[in-house]
Amino acid sequence: MSDAPDPLDGLVVGAEEASVTFAVRAQPRSSREAIEGVREGALRVALTAPPVEGEANAALVALLAKVLGVPKRDVAVIAGTANRSKRVRVSGLTTELVRARLAAAIKPPR
């Protein structure tokens, strides 16, 4: 076993019927797109898209789908579409798989 700290410590990934949900804190208009870690119980995600006309939400869905290895149709923003604090649902994956893939994708902020 590794003694390395869990990069997703504090992130609650809830299981529902055939999906998982978790909180996201989006940072639109960033210089890069990256998953930066967890802060205050939410996954911090930097997005280059501006927060207008759903562009940041679409960029968030695309980034999470790519990182998690699922089609974009399996990722949905289910709450907070007009806020930086959001709730996301991912279909077709287990909580363990979501946590493992998100942890592998974390790039600390510059």
PDB file of N, CA and C in Angstrom:
ATOM      1  N   MET A   1       0.833  -1.186   0.000  1.00  0.00           N
ATOM      2  CA  MET A   1       0.000   0.000   0.000  1.00  0.00           C
ATOM      3  C   MET A   1       0.872   1.241   0.000  1.00  0.00           C
ATOM      4  N   SER A   2       0.401   2.246  -0.667  1.00  0.00           N
ATOM      5  CA  SER A   2       1.138   3.500  -0.747  1.00  0.00           C
ATOM      6  C   SER A   2       0.732   4.418   0.402  1.00  0.00           C
ATOM      7  N   ASP A   3       1.695   5.194   0.892  1.00  0.00           N
ATOM      8  CA  ASP A   3       1.406   6.162   1.940  1.00  0.00           C
ATOM      9  C   ASP A   3       1.090   7.535   1.365  1.00  0.00           C
ATOM     10  N   ALA A   4       1.000   7.633   0.052  1.00  0.00           N
ATOM     11  CA  ALA A   4       0.712   8.912  -0.601  1.00  0.00           C
ATOM     12  C   ALA A   4      -0.696   9.364  -0.230  1.00  0.00           C
ATOM     13  N   PRO A   5      -0.888  10.663  -0.008  1.00  0.00           N
ATOM     14  CA  PRO A   5      -2.224  11.150   0.331  1.00  0.00           C
ATOM     15  C   PRO A   5      -3.171  11.021  -0.856  1.00  0.00           C
ATOM     16  N   ASP A   6      -4.441  10.859  -0.554  1.00  0.00           N
ATOM     17  CA  ASP A   6      -5.471  10.759  -1.582  1.00  0.00           C
ATOM     18  C   ASP A   6      -5.713  12.148  -2.167  1.00  0.00           C
ATOM     19  N   PRO A   7      -5.461  12.350  -3.487  1.00  0.00           N
ATOM     20  CA  PRO A   7      -5.672  13.681  -4.073  1.00  0.00           C
ATOM     21  C   PRO A   7      -7.136  14.095  -4.102  1.00  0.00           C
ATOM     22  N   LEU A   8      -8.040  13.138  -3.887  1.00  0.00           N
ATOM     23  CA  LEU A   8      -9.467  13.441  -3.885  1.00  0.00           C
ATOM     24  C   LEU A   8     -10.046  13.429  -2.475  1.00  0.00           C
ATOM     25  N   ASP A   9      -9.176  13.546  -1.472  1.00  0.00           N
ATOM     26  CA  ASP A   9      -9.637  13.583  -0.096  1.00  0.00           C
ATOM     27  C   ASP A   9     -10.619  14.735   0.084  1.00  0.00           C
ATOM     28  N   GLY A  10     -11.785  14.439   0.598  1.00  0.00           N
ATOM     29  CA  GLY A  10     -12.804  15.468   0.809  1.00  0.00           C
ATOM     30  C   GLY A  10     -13.883  15.474  -0.251  1.00  0.00           C
ATOM     31  N   LEU A  11     -13.649  14.820  -1.394  1.00  0.00           N
ATOM     32  CA  LEU A  11     -14.664  14.770  -2.449  1.00  0.00           C
ATOM     33  C   LEU A  11     -15.620  13.625  -2.171  1.00  0.00           C
ATOM     34  N   VAL A  12     -16.899  13.930  -2.059  1.00  0.00           N
ATOM     35  CA  VAL A  12     -17.907  12.904  -1.848  1.00  0.00           C
ATOM     36  C   VAL A  12     -18.474  12.522  -3.204  1.00  0.00           C
ATOM     37  N   VAL A  13     -18.286  11.260  -3.556  1.00  0.00           N
ATOM     38  CA  VAL A  13     -18.832  10.734  -4.806  1.00  0.00           C
ATOM     39  C   VAL A  13     -19.976   9.812  -4.419  1.00  0.00           C
ATOM     40  N   GLY A  14     -21.192  10.248  -4.713  1.00  0.00           N
ATOM     41  CA  GLY A  14     -22.376   9.486  -4.337  1.00  0.00           C
ATOM     42  C   GLY A  14     -22.809   8.543  -5.435  1.00  0.00           C
ATOM     43  N   ALA A  15     -23.275   7.366  -5.029  1.00  0.00           N
ATOM     44  CA  ALA A  15     -23.756   6.372  -5.990  1.00  0.00           C
ATOM     45  C   ALA A  15     -25.275   6.414  -6.053  1.00  0.00           C
ATOM     46  N   GLU A  16     -25.791   6.405  -7.270  1.00  0.00           N
ATOM     47  CA  GLU A  16     -27.223   6.299  -7.495  1.00  0.00           C
ATOM     48  C   GLU A  16     -27.440   5.024  -8.300  1.00  0.00           C
ATOM     49  N   GLU A  17     -28.585   4.845  -8.920  1.00  0.00           N
ATOM     50  CA  GLU A  17     -28.897   3.587  -9.601  1.00  0.00           C
ATOM     51  C   GLU A  17     -27.789   3.139 -10.560  1.00  0.00           C
ATOM     52  N   ALA A  18     -27.603   3.807 -11.645  1.00  0.00           N
ATOM     53  CA  ALA A  18     -26.577   3.428 -12.615  1.00  0.00           C
ATOM     54  C   ALA A  18     -25.649   4.603 -12.875  1.00  0.00           C
ATOM     55  N   SER A  19     -25.470   5.439 -11.848  1.00  0.00           N
ATOM     56  CA  SER A  19     -24.650   6.634 -12.036  1.00  0.00           C
ATOM     57  C   SER A  19     -24.028   7.067 -10.718  1.00  0.00           C
ATOM     58  N   VAL A  20     -23.116   8.022 -10.828  1.00  0.00           N
ATOM     59  CA  VAL A  20     -22.496   8.632  -9.652  1.00  0.00           C
ATOM     60  C   VAL A  20     -22.636  10.147  -9.774  1.00  0.00           C
ATOM     61  N   THR A  21     -22.633  10.820  -8.639  1.00  0.00           N
ATOM     62  CA  THR A  21     -22.729  12.277  -8.636  1.00  0.00           C
ATOM     63  C   THR A  21     -21.644  12.849  -7.744  1.00  0.00           C
ATOM     64  N   PHE A  22     -21.223  14.070  -8.061  1.00  0.00           N
ATOM     65  CA  PHE A  22     -20.248  14.760  -7.231  1.00  0.00           C
ATOM     66  C   PHE A  22     -20.334  16.250  -7.500  1.00  0.00           C
ATOM     67  N   ALA A  23     -19.795  17.028  -6.556  1.00  0.00           N
ATOM     68  CA  ALA A  23     -19.806  18.483  -6.662  1.00  0.00           C
ATOM     69  C   ALA A  23     -18.593  18.952  -7.460  1.00  0.00           C
ATOM     70  N   VAL A  24     -18.782  20.016  -8.220  1.00  0.00           N
ATOM     71  CA  VAL A  24     -17.710  20.611  -9.024  1.00  0.00           C
ATOM     72  C   VAL A  24     -17.698  22.114  -8.765  1.00  0.00           C
ATOM     73  N   ARG A  25     -16.531  22.665  -8.659  1.00  0.00           N
ATOM     74  CA  ARG A  25     -16.346  24.128  -8.591  1.00  0.00           C
ATOM     75  C   ARG A  25     -15.605  24.520  -9.865  1.00  0.00           C
ATOM     76  N   ALA A  26     -16.296  25.150 -10.796  1.00  0.00           N
ATOM     77  CA  ALA A  26     -15.735  25.511 -12.097  1.00  0.00           C
ATOM     78  C   ALA A  26     -15.042  26.864 -12.035  1.00  0.00           C
ATOM     79  N   GLN A  27     -13.933  26.984 -12.748  1.00  0.00           N
ATOM     80  CA  GLN A  27     -13.213  28.250 -12.878  1.00  0.00           C
ATOM     81  C   GLN A  27     -13.152  28.578 -14.371  1.00  0.00           C
ATOM     82  N   PRO A  28     -14.187  29.285 -14.891  1.00  0.00           N
ATOM     83  CA  PRO A  28     -14.186  29.619 -16.315  1.00  0.00           C
ATOM     84  C   PRO A  28     -13.130  30.679 -16.645  1.00  0.00           C
ATOM     85  N   ARG A  29     -12.866  30.815 -17.922  1.00  0.00           N
ATOM     86  CA  ARG A  29     -11.886  31.775 -18.445  1.00  0.00           C
ATOM     87  C   ARG A  29     -10.487  31.553 -17.871  1.00  0.00           C
ATOM     88  N   SER A  30     -10.136  30.316 -17.624  1.00  0.00           N
ATOM     89  CA  SER A  30      -8.807  29.980 -17.144  1.00  0.00           C
ATOM     90  C   SER A  30      -7.858  29.907 -18.346  1.00  0.00           C
ATOM     91  N   SER A  31      -6.566  29.888 -18.082  1.00  0.00           N
ATOM     92  CA  SER A  31      -5.589  29.814 -19.170  1.00  0.00           C
ATOM     93  C   SER A  31      -5.442  28.399 -19.716  1.00  0.00           C
ATOM     94  N   ARG A  32      -6.001  27.410 -19.003  1.00  0.00           N
ATOM     95  CA  ARG A  32      -5.914  26.018 -19.453  1.00  0.00           C
ATOM     96  C   ARG A  32      -7.108  25.248 -18.922  1.00  0.00           C
ATOM     97  N   GLU A  33      -7.318  24.065 -19.482  1.00  0.00           N
ATOM     98  CA  GLU A  33      -8.364  23.187 -18.978  1.00  0.00           C
ATOM     99  C   GLU A  33      -7.706  22.079 -18.191  1.00  0.00           C
ATOM    100  N   ALA A  34      -8.099  21.944 -16.918  1.00  0.00           N
ATOM    101  CA  ALA A  34      -7.475  20.944 -16.060  1.00  0.00           C
ATOM    102  C   ALA A  34      -8.325  20.669 -14.836  1.00  0.00           C
ATOM    103  N   ILE A  35      -8.170  19.477 -14.314  1.00  0.00           N
ATOM    104  CA  ILE A  35      -8.738  19.132 -13.020  1.00  0.00           C
ATOM    105  C   ILE A  35      -7.645  19.414 -12.010  1.00  0.00           C
ATOM    106  N   GLU A  36      -7.922  20.310 -11.069  1.00  0.00           N
ATOM    107  CA  GLU A  36      -6.881  20.824 -10.180  1.00  0.00           C
ATOM    108  C   GLU A  36      -6.884  20.224  -8.782  1.00  0.00           C
ATOM    109  N   GLY A  37      -7.877  19.435  -8.443  1.00  0.00           N
ATOM    110  CA  GLY A  37      -7.921  18.836  -7.120  1.00  0.00           C
ATOM    111  C   GLY A  37      -9.268  19.068  -6.460  1.00  0.00           C
ATOM    112  N   VAL A  38      -9.267  19.005  -5.134  1.00  0.00           N
ATOM    113  CA  VAL A  38     -10.502  19.161  -4.367  1.00  0.00           C
ATOM    114  C   VAL A  38     -10.344  20.308  -3.396  1.00  0.00           C
ATOM    115  N   ARG A  39     -11.384  21.111  -3.303  1.00  0.00           N
ATOM    116  CA  ARG A  39     -11.395  22.219  -2.348  1.00  0.00           C
ATOM    117  C   ARG A  39     -12.812  22.363  -1.811  1.00  0.00           C
ATOM    118  N   GLU A  40     -12.922  22.395  -0.498  1.00  0.00           N
ATOM    119  CA  GLU A  40     -14.205  22.548   0.176  1.00  0.00           C
ATOM    120  C   GLU A  40     -15.233  21.535  -0.317  1.00  0.00           C
ATOM    121  N   GLY A  41     -14.808  20.289  -0.514  1.00  0.00           N
ATOM    122  CA  GLY A  41     -15.702  19.210  -0.891  1.00  0.00           C
ATOM    123  C   GLY A  41     -16.088  19.137  -2.347  1.00  0.00           C
ATOM    124  N   ALA A  42     -15.521  20.001  -3.185  1.00  0.00           N
ATOM    125  CA  ALA A  42     -15.871  20.008  -4.610  1.00  0.00           C
ATOM    126  C   ALA A  42     -14.624  19.829  -5.470  1.00  0.00           C
ATOM    127  N   LEU A  43     -14.793  19.155  -6.589  1.00  0.00           N
ATOM    128  CA  LEU A  43     -13.716  18.995  -7.558  1.00  0.00           C
ATOM    129  C   LEU A  43     -13.475  20.330  -8.243  1.00  0.00           C
ATOM    130  N   ARG A  44     -12.248  20.841  -8.177  1.00  0.00           N
ATOM    131  CA  ARG A  44     -11.917  22.118  -8.828  1.00  0.00           C
ATOM    132  C   ARG A  44     -11.518  21.840 -10.271  1.00  0.00           C
ATOM    133  N   VAL A  45     -12.209  22.517 -11.197  1.00  0.00           N
ATOM    134  CA  VAL A  45     -11.961  22.315 -12.621  1.00  0.00           C
ATOM    135  C   VAL A  45     -11.752  23.662 -13.291  1.00  0.00           C
ATOM    136  N   ALA A  46     -10.601  23.840 -13.925  1.00  0.00           N
ATOM    137  CA  ALA A  46     -10.297  25.050 -14.687  1.00  0.00           C
ATOM    138  C   ALA A  46     -10.775  24.847 -16.124  1.00  0.00           C
ATOM    139  N   LEU A  47     -11.464  25.853 -16.659  1.00  0.00           N
ATOM    140  CA  LEU A  47     -12.011  25.784 -18.018  1.00  0.00           C
ATOM    141  C   LEU A  47     -11.625  27.037 -18.791  1.00  0.00           C
ATOM    142  N   THR A  48     -11.280  26.893 -20.046  1.00  0.00           N
ATOM    143  CA  THR A  48     -10.928  28.059 -20.855  1.00  0.00           C
ATOM    144  C   THR A  48     -12.169  28.787 -21.372  1.00  0.00           C
ATOM    145  N   ALA A  49     -13.288  28.112 -21.423  1.00  0.00           N
ATOM    146  CA  ALA A  49     -14.531  28.702 -21.953  1.00  0.00           C
ATOM    147  C   ALA A  49     -15.075  29.784 -21.023  1.00  0.00           C
ATOM    148  N   PRO A  50     -15.721  30.789 -21.601  1.00  0.00           N
ATOM    149  CA  PRO A  50     -16.356  31.825 -20.776  1.00  0.00           C
ATOM    150  C   PRO A  50     -17.691  31.313 -20.221  1.00  0.00           C
ATOM    151  N   PRO A  51     -18.163  31.923 -19.138  1.00  0.00           N
ATOM    152  CA  PRO A  51     -19.417  31.477 -18.536  1.00  0.00           C
ATOM    153  C   PRO A  51     -20.650  32.113 -19.186  1.00  0.00           C
ATOM    154  N   VAL A  52     -20.750  32.021 -20.490  1.00  0.00           N
ATOM    155  CA  VAL A  52     -21.892  32.600 -21.207  1.00  0.00           C
ATOM    156  C   VAL A  52     -22.537  31.557 -22.103  1.00  0.00           C
ATOM    157  N   GLU A  53     -23.872  31.608 -22.175  1.00  0.00           N
ATOM    158  CA  GLU A  53     -24.652  30.756 -23.080  1.00  0.00           C
ATOM    159  C   GLU A  53     -24.292  29.279 -22.981  1.00  0.00           C
ATOM    160  N   GLY A  54     -23.967  28.802 -21.791  1.00  0.00           N
ATOM    161  CA  GLY A  54     -23.696  27.388 -21.586  1.00  0.00           C
ATOM    162  C   GLY A  54     -22.342  26.900 -22.063  1.00  0.00           C
ATOM    163  N   GLU A  55     -21.475  27.809 -22.500  1.00  0.00           N
ATOM    164  CA  GLU A  55     -20.167  27.386 -23.021  1.00  0.00           C
ATOM    165  C   GLU A  55     -19.311  26.703 -21.960  1.00  0.00           C
ATOM    166  N   ALA A  56     -19.293  27.251 -20.743  1.00  0.00           N
ATOM    167  CA  ALA A  56     -18.490  26.645 -19.681  1.00  0.00           C
ATOM    168  C   ALA A  56     -19.059  25.283 -19.295  1.00  0.00           C
ATOM    169  N   ASN A  57     -20.373  25.147 -19.259  1.00  0.00           N
ATOM    170  CA  ASN A  57     -20.979  23.849 -18.944  1.00  0.00           C
ATOM    171  C   ASN A  57     -20.636  22.813 -20.012  1.00  0.00           C
ATOM    172  N   ALA A  58     -20.683  23.215 -21.277  1.00  0.00           N
ATOM    173  CA  ALA A  58     -20.335  22.298 -22.367  1.00  0.00           C
ATOM    174  C   ALA A  58     -18.868  21.892 -22.282  1.00  0.00           C
ATOM    175  N   ALA A  59     -18.000  22.841 -21.945  1.00  0.00           N
ATOM    176  CA  ALA A  59     -16.574  22.535 -21.800  1.00  0.00           C
ATOM    177  C   ALA A  59     -16.342  21.600 -20.613  1.00  0.00           C
ATOM    178  N   LEU A  60     -17.080  21.804 -19.535  1.00  0.00           N
ATOM    179  CA  LEU A  60     -16.969  20.936 -18.360  1.00  0.00           C
ATOM    180  C   LEU A  60     -17.388  19.511 -18.707  1.00  0.00           C
ATOM    181  N   VAL A  61     -18.506  19.363 -19.381  1.00  0.00           N
ATOM    182  CA  VAL A  61     -18.988  18.039 -19.784  1.00  0.00           C
ATOM    183  C   VAL A  61     -17.962  17.359 -20.687  1.00  0.00           C
ATOM    184  N   ALA A  62     -17.421  18.096 -21.656  1.00  0.00           N
ATOM    185  CA  ALA A  62     -16.438  17.520 -22.578  1.00  0.00           C
ATOM    186  C   ALA A  62     -15.167  17.081 -21.842  1.00  0.00           C
ATOM    187  N   LEU A  63     -14.678  17.920 -20.927  1.00  0.00           N
ATOM    188  CA  LEU A  63     -13.462  17.579 -20.185  1.00  0.00           C
ATOM    189  C   LEU A  63     -13.681  16.365 -19.293  1.00  0.00           C
ATOM    190  N   LEU A  64     -14.778  16.339 -18.550  1.00  0.00           N
ATOM    191  CA  LEU A  64     -15.039  15.198 -17.670  1.00  0.00           C
ATOM    192  C   LEU A  64     -15.253  13.922 -18.469  1.00  0.00           C
ATOM    193  N   ALA A  65     -15.939  13.999 -19.606  1.00  0.00           N
ATOM    194  CA  ALA A  65     -16.148  12.820 -20.449  1.00  0.00           C
ATOM    195  C   ALA A  65     -14.805  12.269 -20.933  1.00  0.00           C
ATOM    196  N   LYS A  66     -13.920  13.156 -21.343  1.00  0.00           N
ATOM    197  CA  LYS A  66     -12.601  12.738 -21.822  1.00  0.00           C
ATOM    198  C   LYS A  66     -11.800  12.079 -20.694  1.00  0.00           C
ATOM    199  N   VAL A  67     -11.749  12.729 -19.537  1.00  0.00           N
ATOM    200  CA  VAL A  67     -10.978  12.222 -18.399  1.00  0.00           C
ATOM    201  C   VAL A  67     -11.532  10.886 -17.902  1.00  0.00           C
ATOM    202  N   LEU A  68     -12.861  10.777 -17.871  1.00  0.00           N
ATOM    203  CA  LEU A  68     -13.483   9.572 -17.330  1.00  0.00           C
ATOM    204  C   LEU A  68     -13.652   8.462 -18.369  1.00  0.00           C
ATOM    205  N   GLY A  69     -13.396   8.777 -19.638  1.00  0.00           N
ATOM    206  CA  GLY A  69     -13.479   7.761 -20.680  1.00  0.00           C
ATOM    207  C   GLY A  69     -14.896   7.324 -21.007  1.00  0.00           C
ATOM    208  N   VAL A  70     -15.821   8.280 -20.974  1.00  0.00           N
ATOM    209  CA  VAL A  70     -17.215   7.990 -21.303  1.00  0.00           C
ATOM    210  C   VAL A  70     -17.680   8.970 -22.379  1.00  0.00           C
ATOM    211  N   PRO A  71     -18.761   8.635 -23.104  1.00  0.00           N
ATOM    212  CA  PRO A  71     -19.307   9.595 -24.066  1.00  0.00           C
ATOM    213  C   PRO A  71     -19.871  10.819 -23.346  1.00  0.00           C
ATOM    214  N   LYS A  72     -19.887  11.952 -24.029  1.00  0.00           N
ATOM    215  CA  LYS A  72     -20.422  13.183 -23.441  1.00  0.00           C
ATOM    216  C   LYS A  72     -21.873  13.019 -22.998  1.00  0.00           C
ATOM    217  N   ARG A  73     -22.623  12.177 -23.677  1.00  0.00           N
ATOM    218  CA  ARG A  73     -24.027  11.977 -23.301  1.00  0.00           C
ATOM    219  C   ARG A  73     -24.168  11.349 -21.911  1.00  0.00           C
ATOM    220  N   ASP A  74     -23.093  10.738 -21.390  1.00  0.00           N
ATOM    221  CA  ASP A  74     -23.134  10.115 -20.065  1.00  0.00           C
ATOM    222  C   ASP A  74     -22.741  11.066 -18.937  1.00  0.00           C
ATOM    223  N   VAL A  75     -22.428  12.314 -19.270  1.00  0.00           N
ATOM    224  CA  VAL A  75     -22.064  13.314 -18.266  1.00  0.00           C
ATOM    225  C   VAL A  75     -23.086  14.445 -18.349  1.00  0.00           C
ATOM    226  N   ALA A  76     -23.635  14.830 -17.197  1.00  0.00           N
ATOM    227  CA  ALA A  76     -24.643  15.895 -17.182  1.00  0.00           C
ATOM    228  C   ALA A  76     -24.452  16.794 -15.970  1.00  0.00           C
ATOM    229  N   VAL A  77     -24.636  18.096 -16.196  1.00  0.00           N
ATOM    230  CA  VAL A  77     -24.676  19.054 -15.090  1.00  0.00           C
ATOM    231  C   VAL A  77     -26.121  19.051 -14.617  1.00  0.00           C
ATOM    232  N   ILE A  78     -26.352  18.553 -13.401  1.00  0.00           N
ATOM    233  CA  ILE A  78     -27.728  18.389 -12.921  1.00  0.00           C
ATOM    234  C   ILE A  78     -28.161  19.504 -11.974  1.00  0.00           C
ATOM    235  N   ALA A  79     -27.219  20.324 -11.515  1.00  0.00           N
ATOM    236  CA  ALA A  79     -27.561  21.461 -10.655  1.00  0.00           C
ATOM    237  C   ALA A  79     -26.469  22.513 -10.789  1.00  0.00           C
ATOM    238  N   GLY A  80     -26.862  23.776 -10.697  1.00  0.00           N
ATOM    239  CA  GLY A  80     -25.895  24.861 -10.742  1.00  0.00           C
ATOM    240  C   GLY A  80     -25.457  25.259 -12.125  1.00  0.00           C
ATOM    241  N   THR A  81     -26.315  25.099 -13.111  1.00  0.00           N
ATOM    242  CA  THR A  81     -25.912  25.412 -14.484  1.00  0.00           C
ATOM    243  C   THR A  81     -25.512  26.869 -14.668  1.00  0.00           C
ATOM    244  N   ALA A  82     -26.014  27.753 -13.828  1.00  0.00           N
ATOM    245  CA  ALA A  82     -25.681  29.178 -13.954  1.00  0.00           C
ATOM    246  C   ALA A  82     -24.717  29.641 -12.856  1.00  0.00           C
ATOM    247  N   ASN A  83     -24.124  28.708 -12.142  1.00  0.00           N
ATOM    248  CA  ASN A  83     -23.210  29.032 -11.046  1.00  0.00           C
ATOM    249  C   ASN A  83     -21.867  28.347 -11.238  1.00  0.00           C
ATOM    250  N   ARG A  84     -20.874  28.784 -10.490  1.00  0.00           N
ATOM    251  CA  ARG A  84     -19.585  28.095 -10.509  1.00  0.00           C
ATOM    252  C   ARG A  84     -19.661  26.779  -9.751  1.00  0.00           C
ATOM    253  N   SER A  85     -20.504  26.728  -8.719  1.00  0.00           N
ATOM    254  CA  SER A  85     -20.705  25.497  -7.948  1.00  0.00           C
ATOM    255  C   SER A  85     -21.776  24.675  -8.645  1.00  0.00           C
ATOM    256  N   LYS A  86     -21.419  23.456  -9.020  1.00  0.00           N
ATOM    257  CA  LYS A  86     -22.310  22.608  -9.811  1.00  0.00           C
ATOM    258  C   LYS A  86     -22.388  21.215  -9.211  1.00  0.00           C
ATOM    259  N   ARG A  87     -23.363  20.457  -9.635  1.00  0.00           N
ATOM    260  CA  ARG A  87     -23.480  19.042  -9.300  1.00  0.00           C
ATOM    261  C   ARG A  87     -23.509  18.309 -10.632  1.00  0.00           C
ATOM    262  N   VAL A  88     -22.669  17.273 -10.743  1.00  0.00           N
ATOM    263  CA  VAL A  88     -22.519  16.537 -11.997  1.00  0.00           C
ATOM    264  C   VAL A  88     -22.920  15.080 -11.789  1.00  0.00           C
ATOM    265  N   ARG A  89     -23.591  14.512 -12.788  1.00  0.00           N
ATOM    266  CA  ARG A  89     -23.925  13.087 -12.783  1.00  0.00           C
ATOM    267  C   ARG A  89     -23.181  12.416 -13.937  1.00  0.00           C
ATOM    268  N   VAL A  90     -22.568  11.269 -13.626  1.00  0.00           N
ATOM    269  CA  VAL A  90     -21.881  10.470 -14.642  1.00  0.00           C
ATOM    270  C   VAL A  90     -22.520   9.086 -14.642  1.00  0.00           C
ATOM    271  N   SER A  91     -22.995   8.661 -15.799  1.00  0.00           N
ATOM    272  CA  SER A  91     -23.642   7.353 -15.930  1.00  0.00           C
ATOM    273  C   SER A  91     -22.647   6.299 -16.398  1.00  0.00           C
ATOM    274  N   GLY A  92     -22.866   5.074 -15.944  1.00  0.00           N
ATOM    275  CA  GLY A  92     -22.117   3.942 -16.458  1.00  0.00           C
ATOM    276  C   GLY A  92     -20.798   3.634 -15.773  1.00  0.00           C
ATOM    277  N   LEU A  93     -20.449   4.344 -14.703  1.00  0.00           N
ATOM    278  CA  LEU A  93     -19.201   4.072 -13.985  1.00  0.00           C
ATOM    279  C   LEU A  93     -19.481   3.879 -12.496  1.00  0.00           C
ATOM    280  N   THR A  94     -18.589   3.156 -11.832  1.00  0.00           N
ATOM    281  CA  THR A  94     -18.690   2.983 -10.386  1.00  0.00           C
ATOM    282  C   THR A  94     -17.985   4.140  -9.684  1.00  0.00           C
ATOM    283  N   THR A  95     -18.275   4.326  -8.416  1.00  0.00           N
ATOM    284  CA  THR A  95     -17.614   5.389  -7.657  1.00  0.00           C
ATOM    285  C   THR A  95     -16.108   5.166  -7.618  1.00  0.00           C
ATOM    286  N   GLU A  96     -15.684   3.918  -7.480  1.00  0.00           N
ATOM    287  CA  GLU A  96     -14.251   3.621  -7.424  1.00  0.00           C
ATOM    288  C   GLU A  96     -13.557   4.004  -8.729  1.00  0.00           C
ATOM    289  N   LEU A  97     -14.174   3.687  -9.851  1.00  0.00           N
ATOM    290  CA  LEU A  97     -13.588   4.003 -11.151  1.00  0.00           C
ATOM    291  C   LEU A  97     -13.543   5.512 -11.383  1.00  0.00           C
ATOM    292  N   VAL A  98     -14.593   6.220 -10.997  1.00  0.00           N
ATOM    293  CA  VAL A  98     -14.617   7.677 -11.135  1.00  0.00           C
ATOM    294  C   VAL A  98     -13.498   8.287 -10.299  1.00  0.00           C
ATOM    295  N   ARG A  99     -13.373   7.866  -9.043  1.00  0.00           N
ATOM    296  CA  ARG A  99     -12.327   8.407  -8.166  1.00  0.00           C
ATOM    297  C   ARG A  99     -10.934   8.117  -8.734  1.00  0.00           C
ATOM    298  N   ALA A 100     -10.714   6.912  -9.228  1.00  0.00           N
ATOM    299  CA  ALA A 100      -9.398   6.541  -9.760  1.00  0.00           C
ATOM    300  C   ALA A 100      -9.047   7.372 -10.999  1.00  0.00           C
ATOM    301  N   ARG A 101     -10.001   7.547 -11.902  1.00  0.00           N
ATOM    302  CA  ARG A 101      -9.730   8.300 -13.133  1.00  0.00           C
ATOM    303  C   ARG A 101      -9.561   9.787 -12.865  1.00  0.00           C
ATOM    304  N   LEU A 102     -10.346  10.333 -11.934  1.00  0.00           N
ATOM    305  CA  LEU A 102     -10.175  11.747 -11.580  1.00  0.00           C
ATOM    306  C   LEU A 102      -8.833  11.972 -10.895  1.00  0.00           C
ATOM    307  N   ALA A 103      -8.459  11.093  -9.998  1.00  0.00           N
ATOM    308  CA  ALA A 103      -7.178  11.225  -9.278  1.00  0.00           C
ATOM    309  C   ALA A 103      -6.016  11.191 -10.247  1.00  0.00           C
ATOM    310  N   ALA A 104      -6.093  10.320 -11.265  1.00  0.00           N
ATOM    311  CA  ALA A 104      -5.021  10.218 -12.250  1.00  0.00           C
ATOM    312  C   ALA A 104      -4.906  11.458 -13.120  1.00  0.00           C
ATOM    313  N   ALA A 105      -6.001  12.217 -13.236  1.00  0.00           N
ATOM    314  CA  ALA A 105      -6.030  13.389 -14.130  1.00  0.00           C
ATOM    315  C   ALA A 105      -5.683  14.700 -13.446  1.00  0.00           C
ATOM    316  N   ILE A 106      -5.507  14.695 -12.131  1.00  0.00           N
ATOM    317  CA  ILE A 106      -5.286  15.959 -11.405  1.00  0.00           C
ATOM    318  C   ILE A 106      -3.959  16.588 -11.787  1.00  0.00           C
ATOM    319  N   LYS A 107      -4.059  17.870 -12.153  1.00  0.00           N
ATOM    320  CA  LYS A 107      -2.878  18.693 -12.427  1.00  0.00           C
ATOM    321  C   LYS A 107      -2.978  19.890 -11.498  1.00  0.00           C
ATOM    322  N   PRO A 108      -2.000  20.068 -10.613  1.00  0.00           N
ATOM    323  CA  PRO A 108      -2.092  21.182  -9.664  1.00  0.00           C
ATOM    324  C   PRO A 108      -2.110  22.532 -10.386  1.00  0.00           C
ATOM    325  N   PRO A 109      -2.757  23.544  -9.781  1.00  0.00           N
ATOM    326  CA  PRO A 109      -2.791  24.866 -10.399  1.00  0.00           C
ATOM    327  C   PRO A 109      -1.407  25.452 -10.521  1.00  0.00           C
ATOM    328  N   ARG A 110      -1.233  26.272 -11.536  1.00  0.00           N
ATOM    329  CA  ARG A 110       0.084  26.916 -11.747  1.00  0.00           C
ATOM    330  C   ARG A 110       0.287  28.050 -10.809  1.00  0.00           C
TER     331      ARG A 110
END
